[in-house]
Amino acid sequence: MSDLIAPVTIRDTVVSTINSSTATLGVSGTFTGAYEDLLAYSWISVFSESNSGTSTVGVEFQWSHDGVGTAIVQSFEGTQPDRLITAPVVARYFRIKYNNGGNAQTRFSLQTLFHRTGSAPPAVYDLGTTSNTASASELHAQLVAAVLYGVDAGSGNIREVRLDSNGDIRVSVSGQPISVELTAGTANIGDVGILTVPGPLSTTGGGTEAAALRVTLATDSTGLVSVDDNGGSLTVDGNVTANPATSFGKTMTFVPVNQTGVGTTVLAAADVTRKHKLLGGFLTLGIVGTLRFTDGVADLNGPMDIARADGMVFPTSIIPYTETGAVNRPLNLVTTGGPARGCVVILTEA
């Protein structure tokens, strides 16, 4: 009688019969396997195939310490029915759960394999299918934790890629234009230099300065500024300086006069270092009245009588008709009887 023991064949890979199935599932139907002891195995692989998509969480790996209660659940999201998933053994007992979607299956195959040898591979996730992908087998990926580094273009040193407070990769572009699409809402994008603005630039605002468009013109600008008021009226706050002209090397200012009522009109505001001189002009009165020039301290001429719808002309001269009595005094026009209209020519100099 021999003492030899008959050899026992131990297969490297076995198919789990209680965690595999070909029985089709109805609408929202589920298949749940039974817990199996995986103490002798190092990793598992699962393949599924069906004509119907799964629910949002299509496959679940359920792990247990005692084969009774579930301690850990690995959920694999996505509705694609054709999957290949691998994972290392993380607890002693394992079972699988498959969740069908909103259509009844006419074809179904779920197979689970346990592997004894080989290092446990990282988990493989099925990423689904897309219209521009030739093969669904190309859409599986392993979950990898990694740290990204890059070469600094300036110094050549290796630096880590950083994230901002929202978890997005921080991007800066030096010397090259970058296009950014901003969605509607409130966002502070910092200081931005704008090279060109496509026309037409349209803005709506009013009331406070924060709600309106504010434009500052450069002091060295040589171009033209055009204001389109769409046939309405344009209102300017503050003092307005008329266009100057040059004669005999002197800069003259043409000041339009359009009184809405009798009284005093400032033709030129006081200048702390210069006097104002009247070189010419033409003025009319709507009704019988008088007009005279003052500097806020004294009259510069006596009142001149003007008949109704009549006026007077001061031919432009290099010798002023009158001037303010001293620097830092305005040149005023004072009328009685009716409002004055026309234009005067003023020279402002020391």
Foldseek 3Di string as FASTA:
>chain_A
DDPDDDDDDDDQKDWDPQQKDWDWAAAFGKDKGFKDFQPQFWKKKKWKDFPFWFPQQFKWKFADQPRPDTDDIDTAGDGHGTDIKMFTDDHGIIMMMGTTHGHTTPTITMIMMTGRDDHRDAIKHQQDDDPPDPDSVVRIDGDDDDWDWDADPPPRDIDTFDADPVRHTDDDDPPDDDDDDDDDDDDDPDDDDDDDDDDDDDADADDDPVGDDDDDDDPPDPDDDDDDPPPDDDDDPDDDFADWDDDPNFIKGKFWFDDPWFFKDFRFAADQAKKKFWFWWKKAFQAWKWKFKAFVPDTFDDTDTHHHRGIDTGPGDPDGPTIYPDGRTTIMMGMPDGGMGIITMMTIDD
